[in-house]
Amino acid sequence: FRLLDPALPSLPGCEGLPDITLDAASFAALALPVERVFITENETNFLAFPEVADAIVVFGAGYGWEALSRASWLHRCHLHYWGDIDTHGFAILDQLRDYFPNAASFLMDRETLLAHRSHWGEEPDPARHDLARLTPEEAAVYDDLRFDRHQPRLRLEQER
């Protein structure tokens, strides 16, 4: 994870180190004084994420939410998930909500998708199953993607 607020205290022994990697048990044992947690699936975006007061950014692990699920302190934070706008990005968000029902999507909406048409790519193996934990707006974008309403196998990657 990275501290996004320079005013946040560093972990002991990690002063001046903005990026910290911990095992699941150590991350779960933290008691960071943050209000917001951003989760991104792209290393470039993780490293380039701007400063945000009282916040950290976590480099996600795709479908592997076991490490984060142990961190009960995350339930008191506002969680924002930023995945690719593709079927697997929404499937990962759906799975995240199994552990953190109040997690909000971030830059995964129709407006963002349509505004970046020149960066559209192709998803190699799209998901096609129903996702029960998406908001109506997210489900509409997911349906557009899984039913190829804009183009076959549409993907907009975060780093684009």
Protein backbone atom coordinates (compact mmCIF):
# COMPACT_ATOMS: atom_id res chain seq x y z
CA PHE A 1 0.00 0.00 0.00
CA ARG A 2 0.97 3.67 -0.28
CA LEU A 3 0.23 6.53 2.06
CA LEU A 4 -1.50 9.24 0.01
CA ASP A 5 -1.39 11.86 2.76
CA PRO A 6 2.06 13.16 3.74
CA ALA A 7 0.60 14.13 7.13
CA LEU A 8 -0.11 10.49 8.02
CA PRO A 9 2.38 8.90 10.39
CA SER A 10 4.72 6.34 8.87
CA LEU A 11 4.98 2.85 10.27
CA PRO A 12 7.91 2.46 12.69
CA GLY A 13 11.05 1.78 10.70
CA CYS A 14 9.39 2.87 7.45
CA GLU A 15 9.87 6.62 7.73
CA GLY A 16 10.27 8.16 4.29
CA LEU A 17 9.10 5.01 2.50
CA PRO A 18 5.85 5.77 0.68
CA ASP A 19 5.26 2.21 -0.63
CA ILE A 20 4.98 -0.63 1.87
CA THR A 21 4.42 -4.34 1.23
CA LEU A 22 3.05 -6.47 4.05
CA ASP A 23 1.78 -10.01 4.41
CA ALA A 24 -1.95 -10.47 5.05
CA ALA A 25 -1.63 -10.87 8.83
CA SER A 26 0.50 -7.74 9.19
CA PHE A 27 -1.86 -5.69 7.01
CA ALA A 28 -4.84 -6.94 9.04
CA ALA A 29 -3.11 -5.90 12.28
CA LEU A 30 -2.71 -2.29 11.16
CA ALA A 31 -4.75 0.50 12.68
CA LEU A 32 -4.11 3.24 10.15
CA PRO A 33 -5.77 6.60 10.85
CA VAL A 34 -7.32 6.83 7.38
CA GLU A 35 -10.84 7.54 6.19
CA ARG A 36 -10.54 6.42 2.57
CA VAL A 37 -8.89 3.46 0.90
CA PHE A 38 -8.49 3.29 -2.87
CA ILE A 39 -7.88 -0.10 -4.45
CA THR A 40 -6.40 -0.21 -7.95
CA GLU A 41 -5.51 -3.20 -10.11
CA ASN A 42 -2.78 -1.48 -12.11
CA GLU A 43 0.74 -0.88 -10.79
CA THR A 44 1.25 2.28 -12.85
CA ASN A 45 -1.90 3.83 -11.40
CA PHE A 46 -0.92 2.65 -7.92
CA LEU A 47 2.45 4.39 -8.21
CA ALA A 48 1.06 7.56 -9.83
CA PHE A 49 -1.99 7.98 -7.57
CA PRO A 50 -2.15 11.62 -6.37
CA GLU A 51 -2.06 12.81 -2.78
CA VAL A 52 -5.40 12.50 -0.98
CA ALA A 53 -6.03 13.58 2.61
CA ASP A 54 -6.52 10.77 5.14
CA ALA A 55 -6.15 8.06 2.49
CA ILE A 56 -4.07 5.15 1.25
CA VAL A 57 -4.04 3.28 -2.04
CA VAL A 58 -3.74 -0.50 -2.16
CA PHE A 59 -2.39 -2.42 -5.13
CA GLY A 60 -5.09 -5.07 -5.58
CA ALA A 61 -4.58 -8.70 -6.41
CA GLY A 62 -7.29 -9.38 -8.94
CA TYR A 63 -9.68 -11.94 -7.53
CA GLY A 64 -7.60 -12.56 -4.38
CA TRP A 65 -9.36 -10.66 -1.60
CA GLU A 66 -8.29 -12.95 1.24
CA ALA A 67 -5.56 -10.58 2.43
CA LEU A 68 -7.87 -7.56 2.57
CA SER A 69 -10.79 -9.53 4.01
CA ARG A 70 -8.81 -10.14 7.22
CA ALA A 71 -8.37 -6.39 7.79
CA SER A 72 -11.46 -5.61 9.85
CA TRP A 73 -10.34 -1.98 10.20
CA LEU A 74 -11.20 -1.49 6.50
CA HIS A 75 -14.91 -1.71 7.38
CA ARG A 76 -14.74 1.72 9.03
CA CYS A 77 -13.21 3.27 5.89
CA HIS A 78 -14.74 4.43 2.63
CA LEU A 79 -13.46 1.91 0.05
CA HIS A 80 -13.13 2.91 -3.60
CA TYR A 81 -12.34 0.22 -6.18
CA TRP A 82 -10.81 1.20 -9.53
CA GLY A 83 -10.69 -1.70 -11.94
CA ASP A 84 -10.54 -2.01 -15.70
CA ILE A 85 -13.83 -1.28 -17.43
CA ASP A 86 -14.24 -4.82 -18.69
CA THR A 87 -16.24 -7.83 -17.59
CA HIS A 88 -13.55 -9.08 -15.22
CA GLY A 89 -13.15 -5.64 -13.64
CA PHE A 90 -16.84 -5.76 -12.70
CA ALA A 91 -16.57 -9.41 -11.59
CA ILE A 92 -13.71 -8.44 -9.26
CA LEU A 93 -15.79 -5.55 -7.88
CA ASP A 94 -18.67 -7.97 -7.33
CA GLN A 95 -16.38 -10.32 -5.42
CA LEU A 96 -14.94 -7.46 -3.35
CA ARG A 97 -18.46 -6.57 -2.25
CA ASP A 98 -18.85 -10.06 -0.84
CA TYR A 99 -16.32 -8.95 1.80
CA PHE A 100 -16.96 -5.19 1.78
CA PRO A 101 -20.58 -4.52 0.73
CA ASN A 102 -20.17 -0.74 0.81
CA ALA A 103 -17.18 -0.59 -1.56
CA ALA A 104 -17.79 2.00 -4.28
CA SER A 105 -16.56 1.78 -7.85
CA PHE A 106 -14.32 4.59 -9.06
CA LEU A 107 -13.92 5.60 -12.74
CA MET A 108 -15.86 2.51 -13.87
CA ASP A 109 -18.94 4.23 -15.29
CA ARG A 110 -20.49 4.63 -18.74
CA GLU A 111 -19.33 8.27 -19.02
CA THR A 112 -15.69 7.26 -18.48
CA LEU A 113 -16.02 4.37 -20.95
CA LEU A 114 -17.55 6.48 -23.71
CA ALA A 115 -15.17 9.42 -23.15
CA HIS A 116 -12.16 7.20 -23.89
CA ARG A 117 -13.32 5.38 -27.02
CA SER A 118 -9.94 5.92 -28.71
CA HIS A 119 -8.35 3.72 -26.01
CA TRP A 120 -10.74 0.80 -26.24
CA GLY A 121 -9.14 -2.60 -26.49
CA GLU A 122 -10.21 -6.22 -26.55
CA GLU A 123 -10.74 -8.44 -23.53
CA PRO A 124 -9.28 -11.91 -24.21
CA ASP A 125 -11.82 -14.05 -22.31
CA PRO A 126 -14.87 -12.05 -21.16
CA ALA A 127 -17.01 -13.12 -18.21
CA ARG A 128 -20.65 -13.70 -19.11
CA HIS A 129 -22.27 -14.72 -15.80
CA ASP A 130 -24.70 -12.63 -13.73
CA LEU A 131 -23.24 -10.45 -10.97
CA ALA A 132 -25.55 -9.88 -8.01
CA ARG A 133 -23.65 -7.19 -6.09
CA LEU A 134 -23.39 -4.41 -8.69
CA THR A 135 -25.37 -1.18 -8.47
CA PRO A 136 -27.96 -0.65 -11.24
CA GLU A 137 -25.58 1.76 -13.03
CA GLU A 138 -22.66 -0.70 -12.81
CA ALA A 139 -24.87 -3.59 -13.91
CA ALA A 140 -25.95 -1.60 -16.99
CA VAL A 141 -22.31 -1.04 -18.02
CA TYR A 142 -21.46 -4.68 -17.27
CA ASP A 143 -24.39 -5.83 -19.42
CA ASP A 144 -23.24 -3.55 -22.26
CA LEU A 145 -19.84 -5.26 -22.06
CA ARG A 146 -20.92 -8.89 -21.67
CA PHE A 147 -23.55 -8.61 -24.39
CA ASP A 148 -21.13 -6.79 -26.78
CA ARG A 149 -23.41 -3.76 -27.22
CA HIS A 150 -20.58 -1.35 -28.14
CA GLN A 151 -18.14 -3.77 -29.74
CA PRO A 152 -17.18 -7.41 -29.19
CA ARG A 153 -15.06 -8.10 -26.07
CA LEU A 154 -14.69 -4.42 -25.19
CA ARG A 155 -12.13 -3.44 -22.57
CA LEU A 156 -10.90 -0.09 -21.29
CA GLU A 157 -7.83 -0.67 -19.17
CA GLN A 158 -7.11 1.65 -16.22
CA GLU A 159 -3.74 2.75 -17.45
CA ARG A 160 -5.19 3.97 -20.74
